[in-house]
């Protein structure tokens, strides 16, 4: 059996597809990362240069690791990102997402996360056995996506994010885990 290219686009569910970023999508990343509403539970807003550098790092991740943060395409429009990454400060493969605020409240993040988890756990994809996800404890939207995906909170794994000043309300982070077996059982 031939393994699928995990960097390639993933299936289409309700008009949501995960695909690689193109130069024509940079406007959407810039808009999203400059939106204070989006970044309120993530960190400081980014200027255009920082957003472009972020896309460049995403591209390198696909080359270096065979996975990264796909562009969430909703009926031809870039809505944000969702995918897999290696955290710089801990072990594990993280599943994460971020959407433009105009795309919130439509179930897009959950649909995209399921597509990414399908790719992560698929034998013909990456064949991973576990995914982690974490966010600021005040980020109720992302926590809700984690729980809809079937992730379980690892209370002993909650932590202060090493890249955030400890006095910041964004420093306390919650950790969630999802095993391939649990994900498959939940389908």
C-alpha atoms as a PDB file:
ATOM      1  CA  UNK A   1       0.000   0.000   0.000  1.00  0.00           C
ATOM      2  CA  UNK A   2       1.282   3.464  -0.895  1.00  0.00           C
ATOM      3  CA  UNK A   3       1.232   6.124   1.788  1.00  0.00           C
ATOM      4  CA  UNK A   4      -0.613   9.318   0.921  1.00  0.00           C
ATOM      5  CA  UNK A   5       1.336  12.557   0.872  1.00  0.00           C
ATOM      6  CA  UNK A   6       0.439  14.086   4.258  1.00  0.00           C
ATOM      7  CA  UNK A   7       1.287  17.543   2.938  1.00  0.00           C
ATOM      8  CA  UNK A   8      -1.310  17.279   0.154  1.00  0.00           C
ATOM      9  CA  UNK A   9      -4.808  18.668   0.441  1.00  0.00           C
ATOM     10  CA  UNK A  10      -7.268  16.720   2.549  1.00  0.00           C
ATOM     11  CA  UNK A  11     -10.878  15.795   1.830  1.00  0.00           C
ATOM     12  CA  UNK A  12     -13.761  18.201   1.530  1.00  0.00           C
ATOM     13  CA  UNK A  13     -16.372  18.212   4.307  1.00  0.00           C
ATOM     14  CA  UNK A  14     -19.166  20.797   4.129  1.00  0.00           C
ATOM     15  CA  UNK A  15     -17.040  22.953   1.821  1.00  0.00           C
ATOM     16  CA  UNK A  16     -14.022  22.838   4.189  1.00  0.00           C
ATOM     17  CA  UNK A  17     -10.729  21.620   2.719  1.00  0.00           C
ATOM     18  CA  UNK A  18      -7.214  21.672   4.135  1.00  0.00           C
ATOM     19  CA  UNK A  19      -4.583  22.598   1.557  1.00  0.00           C
ATOM     20  CA  UNK A  20      -1.134  24.137   1.348  1.00  0.00           C
ATOM     21  CA  UNK A  21      -0.795  27.903   1.548  1.00  0.00           C
ATOM     22  CA  UNK A  22      -0.181  29.863  -1.668  1.00  0.00           C
ATOM     23  CA  UNK A  23       1.159  33.377  -2.182  1.00  0.00           C
ATOM     24  CA  UNK A  24      -2.420  34.455  -2.988  1.00  0.00           C
ATOM     25  CA  UNK A  25      -3.477  33.479   0.571  1.00  0.00           C
ATOM     26  CA  UNK A  26      -1.074  35.759   2.421  1.00  0.00           C
ATOM     27  CA  UNK A  27      -3.689  38.504   2.754  1.00  0.00           C
ATOM     28  CA  UNK A  28      -5.870  36.188   4.853  1.00  0.00           C
ATOM     29  CA  UNK A  29      -3.017  35.261   7.205  1.00  0.00           C
ATOM     30  CA  UNK A  30      -2.111  38.937   7.557  1.00  0.00           C
ATOM     31  CA  UNK A  31      -5.719  39.918   8.268  1.00  0.00           C
ATOM     32  CA  UNK A  32      -6.166  37.159  10.830  1.00  0.00           C
ATOM     33  CA  UNK A  33      -2.909  37.831  12.692  1.00  0.00           C
ATOM     34  CA  UNK A  34      -3.541  41.594  12.780  1.00  0.00           C
ATOM     35  CA  UNK A  35      -7.044  41.199  14.235  1.00  0.00           C
ATOM     36  CA  UNK A  36      -7.036  42.026  17.980  1.00  0.00           C
ATOM     37  CA  UNK A  37     -10.178  39.918  18.435  1.00  0.00           C
ATOM     38  CA  UNK A  38      -8.413  36.840  17.033  1.00  0.00           C
ATOM     39  CA  UNK A  39      -5.188  37.436  18.926  1.00  0.00           C
ATOM     40  CA  UNK A  40      -6.719  38.308  22.312  1.00  0.00           C
ATOM     41  CA  UNK A  41      -6.144  34.772  23.685  1.00  0.00           C
ATOM     42  CA  UNK A  42      -3.023  34.039  21.621  1.00  0.00           C
ATOM     43  CA  UNK A  43      -0.629  36.932  21.948  1.00  0.00           C
ATOM     44  CA  UNK A  44       0.278  40.223  20.341  1.00  0.00           C
ATOM     45  CA  UNK A  45      -1.022  41.090  16.895  1.00  0.00           C
ATOM     46  CA  UNK A  46       1.434  40.542  14.053  1.00  0.00           C
ATOM     47  CA  UNK A  47       2.424  42.955  11.322  1.00  0.00           C
ATOM     48  CA  UNK A  48       2.591  41.832   7.671  1.00  0.00           C
ATOM     49  CA  UNK A  49       6.266  40.862   7.883  1.00  0.00           C
ATOM     50  CA  UNK A  50       5.662  38.642  10.925  1.00  0.00           C
ATOM     51  CA  UNK A  51       2.675  36.959   9.242  1.00  0.00           C
ATOM     52  CA  UNK A  52       4.693  36.339   6.074  1.00  0.00           C
ATOM     53  CA  UNK A  53       7.532  34.858   8.154  1.00  0.00           C
ATOM     54  CA  UNK A  54       4.964  32.611   9.874  1.00  0.00           C
ATOM     55  CA  UNK A  55       3.787  31.253   6.497  1.00  0.00           C
ATOM     56  CA  UNK A  56       7.423  30.679   5.534  1.00  0.00           C
ATOM     57  CA  UNK A  57       7.927  28.627   8.741  1.00  0.00           C
ATOM     58  CA  UNK A  58       4.766  26.652   7.913  1.00  0.00           C
ATOM     59  CA  UNK A  59       6.173  25.849   4.460  1.00  0.00           C
ATOM     60  CA  UNK A  60       9.460  24.705   6.019  1.00  0.00           C
ATOM     61  CA  UNK A  61       7.582  22.445   8.437  1.00  0.00           C
ATOM     62  CA  UNK A  62       6.013  20.550   5.532  1.00  0.00           C
ATOM     63  CA  UNK A  63       9.467  20.072   3.998  1.00  0.00           C
ATOM     64  CA  UNK A  64      11.212  19.176   7.265  1.00  0.00           C
ATOM     65  CA  UNK A  65       8.498  17.055   8.942  1.00  0.00           C
ATOM     66  CA  UNK A  66       5.957  16.092   6.273  1.00  0.00           C
ATOM     67  CA  UNK A  67       3.212  18.035   8.061  1.00  0.00           C
ATOM     68  CA  UNK A  68       2.360  21.557   9.098  1.00  0.00           C
ATOM     69  CA  UNK A  69      -0.465  24.034   9.309  1.00  0.00           C
ATOM     70  CA  UNK A  70      -2.719  23.781   6.282  1.00  0.00           C
ATOM     71  CA  UNK A  71      -4.753  26.656   4.943  1.00  0.00           C
ATOM     72  CA  UNK A  72      -8.405  26.072   5.894  1.00  0.00           C
ATOM     73  CA  UNK A  73     -10.212  26.676   2.617  1.00  0.00           C
ATOM     74  CA  UNK A  74     -13.962  27.258   2.817  1.00  0.00           C
ATOM     75  CA  UNK A  75     -15.515  27.107  -0.632  1.00  0.00           C
ATOM     76  CA  UNK A  76     -12.419  28.698  -2.179  1.00  0.00           C
ATOM     77  CA  UNK A  77     -11.801  31.313   0.536  1.00  0.00           C
ATOM     78  CA  UNK A  78      -8.896  31.068   3.013  1.00  0.00           C
ATOM     79  CA  UNK A  79     -10.483  31.036   6.466  1.00  0.00           C
ATOM     80  CA  UNK A  80      -7.402  30.461   8.615  1.00  0.00           C
ATOM     81  CA  UNK A  81      -5.158  27.532   9.480  1.00  0.00           C
ATOM     82  CA  UNK A  82      -5.417  24.108  11.040  1.00  0.00           C
ATOM     83  CA  UNK A  83      -2.905  21.341  11.235  1.00  0.00           C
ATOM     84  CA  UNK A  84      -0.022  19.749  13.031  1.00  0.00           C
ATOM     85  CA  UNK A  85       3.161  21.158  14.491  1.00  0.00           C
ATOM     86  CA  UNK A  86       6.015  20.317  16.802  1.00  0.00           C
ATOM     87  CA  UNK A  87       6.021  22.601  19.855  1.00  0.00           C
ATOM     88  CA  UNK A  88       9.415  24.185  20.484  1.00  0.00           C
ATOM     89  CA  UNK A  89       9.268  23.590  24.240  1.00  0.00           C
ATOM     90  CA  UNK A  90       7.834  20.089  24.716  1.00  0.00           C
ATOM     91  CA  UNK A  91       7.496  16.642  23.162  1.00  0.00           C
ATOM     92  CA  UNK A  92       4.502  15.606  21.105  1.00  0.00           C
ATOM     93  CA  UNK A  93       2.699  16.579  17.934  1.00  0.00           C
ATOM     94  CA  UNK A  94       0.257  19.396  18.492  1.00  0.00           C
ATOM     95  CA  UNK A  95      -2.968  19.914  16.588  1.00  0.00           C
ATOM     96  CA  UNK A  96      -3.907  23.566  16.388  1.00  0.00           C
ATOM     97  CA  UNK A  97      -6.101  26.039  14.550  1.00  0.00           C
ATOM     98  CA  UNK A  98      -6.770  29.743  14.116  1.00  0.00           C
ATOM     99  CA  UNK A  99      -9.544  31.310  12.055  1.00  0.00           C
ATOM    100  CA  UNK A 100     -10.332  34.785  10.823  1.00  0.00           C
ATOM    101  CA  UNK A 101     -12.996  36.247  13.144  1.00  0.00           C
ATOM    102  CA  UNK A 102     -15.454  36.534  10.243  1.00  0.00           C
ATOM    103  CA  UNK A 103     -15.392  32.711  10.084  1.00  0.00           C
ATOM    104  CA  UNK A 104     -16.156  32.075  13.777  1.00  0.00           C
ATOM    105  CA  UNK A 105     -19.294  30.336  14.985  1.00  0.00           C
ATOM    106  CA  UNK A 106     -19.853  28.182  11.897  1.00  0.00           C
ATOM    107  CA  UNK A 107     -18.221  24.897  13.011  1.00  0.00           C
ATOM    108  CA  UNK A 108     -15.287  25.403  10.644  1.00  0.00           C
ATOM    109  CA  UNK A 109     -12.561  24.908  13.265  1.00  0.00           C
ATOM    110  CA  UNK A 110     -14.066  21.613  14.432  1.00  0.00           C
ATOM    111  CA  UNK A 111     -14.499  20.348  10.859  1.00  0.00           C
ATOM    112  CA  UNK A 112     -10.933  21.350   9.992  1.00  0.00           C
ATOM    113  CA  UNK A 113      -9.582  19.747  13.183  1.00  0.00           C
ATOM    114  CA  UNK A 114     -11.310  16.482  12.288  1.00  0.00           C
ATOM    115  CA  UNK A 115      -9.752  16.567   8.822  1.00  0.00           C
ATOM    116  CA  UNK A 116      -6.320  17.164  10.370  1.00  0.00           C
ATOM    117  CA  UNK A 117      -6.826  14.385  12.948  1.00  0.00           C
ATOM    118  CA  UNK A 118      -7.939  12.021  10.169  1.00  0.00           C
ATOM    119  CA  UNK A 119      -4.657  12.714   8.378  1.00  0.00           C
ATOM    120  CA  UNK A 120      -2.614  12.409  11.584  1.00  0.00           C
ATOM    121  CA  UNK A 121      -4.068   9.068  12.626  1.00  0.00           C
ATOM    122  CA  UNK A 122      -4.550   7.494   9.196  1.00  0.00           C
ATOM    123  CA  UNK A 123      -2.265   4.581   8.414  1.00  0.00           C
ATOM    124  CA  UNK A 124      -2.000   5.884   4.853  1.00  0.00           C
ATOM    125  CA  UNK A 125      -1.250   9.366   6.216  1.00  0.00           C
ATOM    126  CA  UNK A 126       1.061   9.993   9.157  1.00  0.00           C
ATOM    127  CA  UNK A 127       0.060   7.053  11.369  1.00  0.00           C
ATOM    128  CA  UNK A 128       0.520   8.966  14.628  1.00  0.00           C
ATOM    129  CA  UNK A 129      -0.647   7.415  17.903  1.00  0.00           C
ATOM    130  CA  UNK A 130      -1.404  10.612  19.841  1.00  0.00           C
ATOM    131  CA  UNK A 131      -2.033  14.321  19.389  1.00  0.00           C
ATOM    132  CA  UNK A 132      -1.806  17.031  22.005  1.00  0.00           C
ATOM    133  CA  UNK A 133      -3.335  20.472  22.021  1.00  0.00           C
ATOM    134  CA  UNK A 134      -2.961  23.351  24.433  1.00  0.00           C
ATOM    135  CA  UNK A 135      -4.167  26.880  24.765  1.00  0.00           C
ATOM    136  CA  UNK A 136      -4.438  29.695  27.253  1.00  0.00           C
ATOM    137  CA  UNK A 137      -6.852  28.669  30.008  1.00  0.00           C
ATOM    138  CA  UNK A 138      -9.013  31.692  29.096  1.00  0.00           C
ATOM    139  CA  UNK A 139      -9.432  30.548  25.464  1.00  0.00           C
ATOM    140  CA  UNK A 140     -12.873  28.950  25.796  1.00  0.00           C
ATOM    141  CA  UNK A 141     -13.406  28.782  22.013  1.00  0.00           C
ATOM    142  CA  UNK A 142     -10.369  26.554  21.421  1.00  0.00           C
ATOM    143  CA  UNK A 143     -11.128  24.450  24.487  1.00  0.00           C
ATOM    144  CA  UNK A 144     -14.612  23.815  23.062  1.00  0.00           C
ATOM    145  CA  UNK A 145     -13.077  22.642  19.763  1.00  0.00           C
ATOM    146  CA  UNK A 146     -10.720  20.302  21.632  1.00  0.00           C
ATOM    147  CA  UNK A 147     -13.626  18.781  23.508  1.00  0.00           C
ATOM    148  CA  UNK A 148     -15.793  18.417  20.373  1.00  0.00           C
ATOM    149  CA  UNK A 149     -12.845  16.613  18.771  1.00  0.00           C
ATOM    150  CA  UNK A 150     -12.904  14.114  21.669  1.00  0.00           C
ATOM    151  CA  UNK A 151      -9.744  15.315  23.380  1.00  0.00           C
ATOM    152  CA  UNK A 152      -9.390  14.784  27.128  1.00  0.00           C
ATOM    153  CA  UNK A 153      -7.872  17.285  29.496  1.00  0.00           C
ATOM    154  CA  UNK A 154      -4.621  16.222  31.107  1.00  0.00           C
ATOM    155  CA  UNK A 155      -4.939  18.091  34.422  1.00  0.00           C
ATOM    156  CA  UNK A 156      -1.428  17.090  35.446  1.00  0.00           C
ATOM    157  CA  UNK A 157      -0.124  18.541  32.199  1.00  0.00           C
ATOM    158  CA  UNK A 158      -1.443  22.093  32.619  1.00  0.00           C
ATOM    159  CA  UNK A 159       1.454  24.562  32.599  1.00  0.00           C
ATOM    160  CA  UNK A 160       2.661  28.136  32.387  1.00  0.00           C
ATOM    161  CA  UNK A 161       3.655  28.787  28.778  1.00  0.00           C
ATOM    162  CA  UNK A 162       7.423  29.419  28.670  1.00  0.00           C
ATOM    163  CA  UNK A 163       7.042  32.036  25.925  1.00  0.00           C
ATOM    164  CA  UNK A 164       4.615  34.196  27.911  1.00  0.00           C
ATOM    165  CA  UNK A 165       5.462  36.344  30.955  1.00  0.00           C
ATOM    166  CA  UNK A 166       4.219  34.438  34.039  1.00  0.00           C
ATOM    167  CA  UNK A 167       2.107  37.376  35.221  1.00  0.00           C
ATOM    168  CA  UNK A 168       0.179  37.504  31.919  1.00  0.00           C
ATOM    169  CA  UNK A 169      -3.383  36.142  31.848  1.00  0.00           C
ATOM    170  CA  UNK A 170      -2.235  34.173  28.775  1.00  0.00           C
ATOM    171  CA  UNK A 171       0.484  32.281  30.691  1.00  0.00           C
ATOM    172  CA  UNK A 172      -1.685  29.563  32.323  1.00  0.00           C
ATOM    173  CA  UNK A 173      -2.275  26.888  29.678  1.00  0.00           C
ATOM    174  CA  UNK A 174      -4.445  23.783  29.622  1.00  0.00           C
ATOM    175  CA  UNK A 175      -3.244  20.570  27.964  1.00  0.00           C
ATOM    176  CA  UNK A 176      -5.489  18.126  26.115  1.00  0.00           C
ATOM    177  CA  UNK A 177      -4.631  14.732  24.616  1.00  0.00           C
ATOM    178  CA  UNK A 178      -6.218  12.499  22.007  1.00  0.00           C
ATOM    179  CA  UNK A 179      -5.074   8.971  21.222  1.00  0.00           C
ATOM    180  CA  UNK A 180      -5.621   7.419  17.821  1.00  0.00           C
ATOM    181  CA  UNK A 181      -7.628   4.618  19.456  1.00  0.00           C
ATOM    182  CA  UNK A 182      -9.946   7.064  21.262  1.00  0.00           C
ATOM    183  CA  UNK A 183     -10.401   9.097  18.081  1.00  0.00           C
ATOM    184  CA  UNK A 184     -11.280   5.991  16.052  1.00  0.00           C
ATOM    185  CA  UNK A 185     -13.680   4.793  18.791  1.00  0.00           C
ATOM    186  CA  UNK A 186     -15.410   8.175  18.727  1.00  0.00           C
ATOM    187  CA  UNK A 187     -16.120   8.054  15.004  1.00  0.00           C
END
